[in-house]
Amino acid sequence: MVVVFEELPATLLLDTLLEECPVVDERQIELYDFGDLVRSAVSDTDEDERDYMAFSAKLIAYELGIRFLADYLNGDPYFKTSREGQNLDRCRAQFALARDIERKEEVMSRLVEQF
């Protein structure tokens, strides 16, 4: 969840304030990402913003992959893990998702244009 304070020049990512991230496995992450994408797709955004929706999905997957990698390299202090190397696997899964989105970006963009 993102909160923007109009009085302050800042954006807060509330998940970074949690003691333990509620994300447990890759399926949940994909569902969160998909849910964010769907909410964006059905919103009343202007045409210019819709031009970047497919790209944004790829960017979110890439960003999350970097966050998992950073957490893995720092000893897994942020994302909850149940086994050794889980955040590295999550990182790889997100990078694979970003590559897959990139391959399908044109099709995704056409789908967004239909709405």
Protein backbone atom coordinates (compact mmCIF):
# COMPACT_ATOMS: atom_id res chain seq x y z
CA MET A 1 0.00 0.00 0.00
CA VAL A 2 1.26 3.48 -0.85
CA VAL A 3 0.26 6.57 1.08
CA VAL A 4 0.95 10.05 -0.26
CA PHE A 5 0.77 12.96 2.15
CA GLU A 6 -0.18 16.12 0.31
CA GLU A 7 1.38 18.30 3.00
CA LEU A 8 4.68 16.40 2.89
CA PRO A 9 6.91 15.80 -0.11
CA ALA A 10 7.01 12.07 0.63
CA THR A 11 5.49 8.75 -0.30
CA LEU A 12 5.34 5.95 2.25
CA LEU A 13 5.36 2.30 1.33
CA LEU A 14 3.48 0.90 4.30
CA ASP A 15 4.80 -2.63 3.80
CA THR A 16 8.28 -1.34 4.66
CA LEU A 17 6.96 -0.28 8.07
CA LEU A 18 5.74 -3.73 9.00
CA GLU A 19 7.84 -5.79 11.35
CA GLU A 20 7.22 -8.88 9.23
CA CYS A 21 6.10 -8.77 5.64
CA PRO A 22 2.84 -10.68 5.10
CA VAL A 23 4.19 -12.14 1.84
CA VAL A 24 4.71 -15.84 2.36
CA ASP A 25 5.28 -17.35 -1.05
CA GLU A 26 5.59 -16.55 -4.74
CA ARG A 27 1.92 -17.29 -5.49
CA GLN A 28 0.82 -14.55 -3.12
CA ILE A 29 3.29 -12.12 -4.65
CA GLU A 30 2.00 -12.83 -8.15
CA LEU A 31 -1.57 -12.35 -6.95
CA TYR A 32 -0.68 -9.01 -5.33
CA ASP A 33 1.06 -7.87 -8.52
CA PHE A 34 -1.85 -9.03 -10.66
CA GLY A 35 -4.33 -7.34 -8.34
CA ASP A 36 -2.39 -4.08 -8.57
CA LEU A 37 -2.35 -4.36 -12.36
CA VAL A 38 -6.10 -5.06 -12.55
CA ARG A 39 -6.93 -2.15 -10.23
CA SER A 40 -4.85 0.10 -12.45
CA ALA A 41 -6.43 -1.24 -15.63
CA VAL A 42 -10.01 -0.63 -14.51
CA SER A 43 -9.37 2.78 -12.98
CA ASP A 44 -10.42 6.03 -14.59
CA THR A 45 -6.90 6.97 -15.59
CA ASP A 46 -6.27 9.19 -18.54
CA GLU A 47 -5.00 7.77 -21.82
CA ASP A 48 -1.38 8.80 -21.25
CA GLU A 49 -1.20 6.78 -18.03
CA ARG A 50 -2.67 3.70 -19.71
CA ASP A 51 0.16 3.77 -22.24
CA TYR A 52 2.53 2.67 -19.47
CA MET A 53 0.49 -0.06 -17.76
CA ALA A 54 2.19 -3.05 -19.38
CA PHE A 55 5.58 -1.47 -18.78
CA SER A 56 4.61 -0.79 -15.16
CA ALA A 57 3.80 -4.46 -14.58
CA LYS A 58 7.28 -5.37 -15.80
CA LEU A 59 8.85 -2.66 -13.66
CA ILE A 60 7.04 -3.84 -10.52
CA ALA A 61 8.24 -7.42 -11.05
CA TYR A 62 11.81 -6.21 -11.63
CA GLU A 63 11.71 -3.95 -8.56
CA LEU A 64 10.40 -6.75 -6.36
CA GLY A 65 13.10 -9.06 -7.70
CA ILE A 66 15.73 -6.52 -6.66
CA ARG A 67 14.15 -6.23 -3.21
CA PHE A 68 14.23 -10.02 -2.76
CA LEU A 69 17.86 -10.13 -3.91
CA ALA A 70 18.86 -7.34 -1.53
CA ASP A 71 17.08 -9.10 1.34
CA TYR A 72 18.81 -12.38 0.49
CA LEU A 73 22.23 -10.69 0.36
CA ASN A 74 21.56 -9.02 3.72
CA GLY A 75 20.60 -12.23 5.51
CA ASP A 76 16.81 -12.16 4.94
CA PRO A 77 15.89 -9.55 7.57
CA TYR A 78 12.77 -8.22 5.82
CA PHE A 79 10.87 -10.90 3.88
CA LYS A 80 9.84 -13.90 5.95
CA THR A 81 11.41 -17.14 4.73
CA SER A 82 10.84 -20.78 5.63
CA ARG A 83 13.96 -22.20 4.00
CA GLU A 84 17.48 -21.26 2.99
CA GLY A 85 17.68 -19.45 -0.33
CA GLN A 86 13.96 -18.74 -0.55
CA ASN A 87 14.42 -15.02 -1.23
CA LEU A 88 16.96 -15.82 -3.94
CA ASP A 89 14.38 -18.13 -5.53
CA ARG A 90 11.77 -15.39 -5.23
CA CYS A 91 14.19 -12.99 -6.89
CA ARG A 92 14.70 -15.39 -9.78
CA ALA A 93 10.94 -15.91 -10.11
CA GLN A 94 10.32 -12.16 -10.29
CA PHE A 95 13.05 -11.66 -12.89
CA ALA A 96 11.55 -14.52 -14.93
CA LEU A 97 8.14 -12.84 -14.61
CA ALA A 98 9.64 -9.53 -15.81
CA ARG A 99 11.16 -11.30 -18.84
CA ASP A 100 7.84 -13.00 -19.56
CA ILE A 101 5.97 -9.69 -19.33
CA GLU A 102 8.53 -8.15 -21.65
CA ARG A 103 7.88 -10.87 -24.22
CA LYS A 104 4.13 -10.26 -23.91
CA GLU A 105 4.24 -6.49 -23.43
CA GLU A 106 2.83 -5.68 -26.86
CA VAL A 107 -0.15 -8.01 -26.36
CA MET A 108 -0.75 -6.62 -22.88
CA SER A 109 -0.68 -3.08 -24.21
CA ARG A 110 -3.28 -3.96 -26.83
CA LEU A 111 -5.51 -5.49 -24.15
CA VAL A 112 -5.27 -2.36 -22.02
CA GLU A 113 -6.21 -0.21 -25.03
CA GLN A 114 -9.48 -2.12 -25.34
CA PHE A 115 -10.75 -0.78 -21.99
